[in-house]
Amino acid sequence: MSLHEKQAWFNLAVLGLAFATFAVLAPFAGVQRATAAFGWLGLLGFSPIIYVSRKRNRQVVADERDQAIQARTSVIAYSVFWVVFVGGSMTVWALFRDRGSISVNVLPLFPLVGWIVLTLVQSVATLIQYGQGK
């Protein structure tokens, strides 16, 4: 398993943990307070640690195939992100247009959902592309 695959699995595990915690907390604390469960996403900052051991041993971290896969997954992830972002913006506009303003409780969800979509799509696309080579 390549380092990028390990990083993708780690990212998916952290996302799964955050969503599971949210699902458990939402019925008890309410949806607005349960969004604190996404604090687990801070663990995504530890995913580059996967590369440290190879760099320390001076092993190859990524070859041309790995770089090509990462470039394709980035294009896929950002393409999906923009579709979701624009669709989400239009949905929020449609829901709140009669009020004349968007609730301040909704606006912080935009970067959160964007980051989740970007990480999820990039991790899944990475795993799919590495799976096609086997």
C-alpha atoms as a PDB file:
ATOM      1  CA  MET A   1       0.000   0.000   0.000  1.00  0.00           C
ATOM      2  CA  SER A   2       1.409   3.371  -1.003  1.00  0.00           C
ATOM      3  CA  LEU A   3       1.740   6.320   1.327  1.00  0.00           C
ATOM      4  CA  HIS A   4      -1.015   8.194  -0.473  1.00  0.00           C
ATOM      5  CA  GLU A   5      -3.385   5.265   0.042  1.00  0.00           C
ATOM      6  CA  LYS A   6      -2.525   5.205   3.751  1.00  0.00           C
ATOM      7  CA  GLN A   7      -3.195   8.927   3.966  1.00  0.00           C
ATOM      8  CA  ALA A   8      -6.531   8.517   2.160  1.00  0.00           C
ATOM      9  CA  TRP A   9      -7.602   5.733   4.545  1.00  0.00           C
ATOM     10  CA  PHE A  10      -6.564   7.861   7.528  1.00  0.00           C
ATOM     11  CA  ASN A  11      -8.594  10.808   6.197  1.00  0.00           C
ATOM     12  CA  LEU A  12     -11.650   8.609   5.668  1.00  0.00           C
ATOM     13  CA  ALA A  13     -11.309   7.172   9.179  1.00  0.00           C
ATOM     14  CA  VAL A  14     -11.203  10.675  10.689  1.00  0.00           C
ATOM     15  CA  LEU A  15     -14.223  11.739   8.616  1.00  0.00           C
ATOM     16  CA  GLY A  16     -16.067   8.590   9.715  1.00  0.00           C
ATOM     17  CA  LEU A  17     -15.259   9.321  13.352  1.00  0.00           C
ATOM     18  CA  ALA A  18     -16.529  12.890  13.028  1.00  0.00           C
ATOM     19  CA  PHE A  19     -19.764  11.829  11.328  1.00  0.00           C
ATOM     20  CA  ALA A  20     -20.362   9.025  13.846  1.00  0.00           C
ATOM     21  CA  THR A  21     -19.854  11.415  16.747  1.00  0.00           C
ATOM     22  CA  PHE A  22     -22.213  13.909  15.105  1.00  0.00           C
ATOM     23  CA  ALA A  23     -24.864  11.213  14.607  1.00  0.00           C
ATOM     24  CA  VAL A  24     -24.639  10.194  18.265  1.00  0.00           C
ATOM     25  CA  LEU A  25     -24.718  13.755  19.630  1.00  0.00           C
ATOM     26  CA  ALA A  26     -27.411  15.225  17.351  1.00  0.00           C
ATOM     27  CA  PRO A  27     -30.440  13.603  19.035  1.00  0.00           C
ATOM     28  CA  PHE A  28     -29.290  14.645  22.508  1.00  0.00           C
ATOM     29  CA  ALA A  29     -27.638  18.031  22.034  1.00  0.00           C
ATOM     30  CA  GLY A  30     -29.384  19.241  18.889  1.00  0.00           C
ATOM     31  CA  VAL A  31     -27.928  19.651  15.430  1.00  0.00           C
ATOM     32  CA  GLN A  32     -26.373  23.063  16.078  1.00  0.00           C
ATOM     33  CA  ARG A  33     -24.406  21.929  19.150  1.00  0.00           C
ATOM     34  CA  ALA A  34     -23.581  18.552  17.617  1.00  0.00           C
ATOM     35  CA  THR A  35     -21.551  20.274  14.905  1.00  0.00           C
ATOM     36  CA  ALA A  36     -18.821  20.472  17.563  1.00  0.00           C
ATOM     37  CA  ALA A  37     -18.212  16.801  16.713  1.00  0.00           C
ATOM     38  CA  PHE A  38     -16.466  18.006  13.583  1.00  0.00           C
ATOM     39  CA  GLY A  39     -13.645  19.185  15.821  1.00  0.00           C
ATOM     40  CA  TRP A  40     -12.284  15.698  15.183  1.00  0.00           C
ATOM     41  CA  LEU A  41     -11.358  16.967  11.716  1.00  0.00           C
ATOM     42  CA  GLY A  42      -8.392  18.662  13.353  1.00  0.00           C
ATOM     43  CA  LEU A  43      -6.788  15.215  13.368  1.00  0.00           C
ATOM     44  CA  LEU A  44      -6.434  15.532   9.593  1.00  0.00           C
ATOM     45  CA  GLY A  45      -3.462  17.746  10.323  1.00  0.00           C
ATOM     46  CA  PHE A  46      -1.596  14.647  11.467  1.00  0.00           C
ATOM     47  CA  SER A  47      -1.920  12.827   8.124  1.00  0.00           C
ATOM     48  CA  PRO A  48       1.435  14.117   6.765  1.00  0.00           C
ATOM     49  CA  ILE A  49       3.181  12.264   9.613  1.00  0.00           C
ATOM     50  CA  ILE A  50       2.748   9.142   7.473  1.00  0.00           C
ATOM     51  CA  TYR A  51       5.521  10.444   5.209  1.00  0.00           C
ATOM     52  CA  VAL A  52       8.066  11.162   7.955  1.00  0.00           C
ATOM     53  CA  SER A  53       9.513   7.651   8.278  1.00  0.00           C
ATOM     54  CA  ARG A  54      10.226   7.348   4.551  1.00  0.00           C
ATOM     55  CA  LYS A  55      11.880  10.765   4.383  1.00  0.00           C
ATOM     56  CA  ARG A  56      14.015   9.941   7.400  1.00  0.00           C
ATOM     57  CA  ASN A  57      15.175   6.668   5.773  1.00  0.00           C
ATOM     58  CA  ARG A  58      15.691   8.497   2.463  1.00  0.00           C
ATOM     59  CA  GLN A  59      13.282   6.218   0.641  1.00  0.00           C
ATOM     60  CA  VAL A  60      11.236   7.341  -2.332  1.00  0.00           C
ATOM     61  CA  VAL A  61       8.087   9.073  -1.111  1.00  0.00           C
ATOM     62  CA  ALA A  62       6.314   9.436  -4.461  1.00  0.00           C
ATOM     63  CA  ASP A  63       7.128   8.495  -8.020  1.00  0.00           C
ATOM     64  CA  GLU A  64       5.684   9.853 -11.277  1.00  0.00           C
ATOM     65  CA  ARG A  65       2.592   7.632 -11.063  1.00  0.00           C
ATOM     66  CA  ASP A  66       1.861   8.840  -7.526  1.00  0.00           C
ATOM     67  CA  GLN A  67       2.239  12.455  -8.593  1.00  0.00           C
ATOM     68  CA  ALA A  68      -0.051  11.933 -11.595  1.00  0.00           C
ATOM     69  CA  ILE A  69      -2.696  10.307  -9.397  1.00  0.00           C
ATOM     70  CA  GLN A  70      -2.500  13.148  -6.884  1.00  0.00           C
ATOM     71  CA  ALA A  71      -2.840  15.724  -9.658  1.00  0.00           C
ATOM     72  CA  ARG A  72      -5.946  13.961 -11.040  1.00  0.00           C
ATOM     73  CA  THR A  73      -7.513  13.577  -7.594  1.00  0.00           C
ATOM     74  CA  SER A  74      -6.967  17.271  -6.885  1.00  0.00           C
ATOM     75  CA  VAL A  75      -8.723  18.234 -10.127  1.00  0.00           C
ATOM     76  CA  ILE A  76     -11.605  15.870  -9.349  1.00  0.00           C
ATOM     77  CA  ALA A  77     -11.922  17.068  -5.755  1.00  0.00           C
ATOM     78  CA  TYR A  78     -11.906  20.763  -6.612  1.00  0.00           C
ATOM     79  CA  SER A  79     -14.366  20.228  -9.471  1.00  0.00           C
ATOM     80  CA  VAL A  80     -16.819  18.477  -7.157  1.00  0.00           C
ATOM     81  CA  PHE A  81     -16.200  21.097  -4.447  1.00  0.00           C
ATOM     82  CA  TRP A  82     -17.213  23.957  -6.727  1.00  0.00           C
ATOM     83  CA  VAL A  83     -20.365  22.188  -7.896  1.00  0.00           C
ATOM     84  CA  VAL A  84     -21.365  21.519  -4.273  1.00  0.00           C
ATOM     85  CA  PHE A  85     -20.430  25.051  -3.191  1.00  0.00           C
ATOM     86  CA  VAL A  86     -22.454  26.755  -5.920  1.00  0.00           C
ATOM     87  CA  GLY A  87     -25.376  24.332  -5.443  1.00  0.00           C
ATOM     88  CA  GLY A  88     -25.287  24.846  -1.687  1.00  0.00           C
ATOM     89  CA  SER A  89     -25.162  28.612  -2.073  1.00  0.00           C
ATOM     90  CA  MET A  90     -28.165  28.583  -4.368  1.00  0.00           C
ATOM     91  CA  THR A  91     -30.046  26.248  -2.025  1.00  0.00           C
ATOM     92  CA  VAL A  92     -29.415  28.537   0.952  1.00  0.00           C
ATOM     93  CA  TRP A  93     -30.474  31.521  -1.126  1.00  0.00           C
ATOM     94  CA  ALA A  94     -33.699  29.744  -2.143  1.00  0.00           C
ATOM     95  CA  LEU A  95     -34.471  28.816   1.470  1.00  0.00           C
ATOM     96  CA  PHE A  96     -33.779  32.254   2.980  1.00  0.00           C
ATOM     97  CA  ARG A  97     -34.718  34.659   0.177  1.00  0.00           C
ATOM     98  CA  ASP A  98     -38.079  35.524   1.761  1.00  0.00           C
ATOM     99  CA  ARG A  99     -36.316  36.701   4.931  1.00  0.00           C
ATOM    100  CA  GLY A 100     -33.875  38.913   3.088  1.00  0.00           C
ATOM    101  CA  SER A 101     -30.834  37.560   4.957  1.00  0.00           C
ATOM    102  CA  ILE A 102     -29.050  34.320   5.731  1.00  0.00           C
ATOM    103  CA  SER A 103     -28.896  33.120   9.317  1.00  0.00           C
ATOM    104  CA  VAL A 104     -25.530  33.502  11.014  1.00  0.00           C
ATOM    105  CA  ASN A 105     -25.876  29.886  12.136  1.00  0.00           C
ATOM    106  CA  VAL A 106     -25.745  28.710   8.524  1.00  0.00           C
ATOM    107  CA  LEU A 107     -22.745  30.682   7.247  1.00  0.00           C
ATOM    108  CA  PRO A 108     -20.042  28.862   9.288  1.00  0.00           C
ATOM    109  CA  LEU A 109     -21.198  25.596   7.741  1.00  0.00           C
ATOM    110  CA  PHE A 110     -19.987  26.667   4.288  1.00  0.00           C
ATOM    111  CA  PRO A 111     -16.236  26.251   4.904  1.00  0.00           C
ATOM    112  CA  LEU A 112     -16.860  23.167   7.047  1.00  0.00           C
ATOM    113  CA  VAL A 113     -18.908  21.407   4.391  1.00  0.00           C
ATOM    114  CA  GLY A 114     -16.483  22.537   1.691  1.00  0.00           C
ATOM    115  CA  TRP A 115     -13.521  21.067   3.568  1.00  0.00           C
ATOM    116  CA  ILE A 116     -15.390  17.818   4.204  1.00  0.00           C
ATOM    117  CA  VAL A 117     -16.392  17.478   0.542  1.00  0.00           C
ATOM    118  CA  LEU A 118     -12.869  18.240  -0.643  1.00  0.00           C
ATOM    119  CA  THR A 119     -11.242  15.741   1.729  1.00  0.00           C
ATOM    120  CA  LEU A 120     -13.831  13.030   1.116  1.00  0.00           C
ATOM    121  CA  VAL A 121     -13.725  13.250  -2.679  1.00  0.00           C
ATOM    122  CA  GLN A 122      -9.946  13.450  -2.810  1.00  0.00           C
ATOM    123  CA  SER A 123      -9.534  10.421  -0.525  1.00  0.00           C
ATOM    124  CA  VAL A 124     -12.087   8.314  -2.394  1.00  0.00           C
ATOM    125  CA  ALA A 125     -10.642   9.297  -5.787  1.00  0.00           C
ATOM    126  CA  THR A 126      -7.160   8.378  -4.558  1.00  0.00           C
ATOM    127  CA  LEU A 127      -8.283   4.932  -3.425  1.00  0.00           C
ATOM    128  CA  ILE A 128     -10.193   4.309  -6.658  1.00  0.00           C
ATOM    129  CA  GLN A 129      -7.244   5.283  -8.845  1.00  0.00           C
ATOM    130  CA  TYR A 130      -4.779   3.154  -6.912  1.00  0.00           C
ATOM    131  CA  GLY A 131      -7.259   0.273  -7.040  1.00  0.00           C
ATOM    132  CA  GLN A 132      -7.433   0.429 -10.843  1.00  0.00           C
ATOM    133  CA  GLY A 133      -3.734  -0.350 -11.153  1.00  0.00           C
ATOM    134  CA  LYS A 134      -4.009  -3.732  -9.457  1.00  0.00           C
END
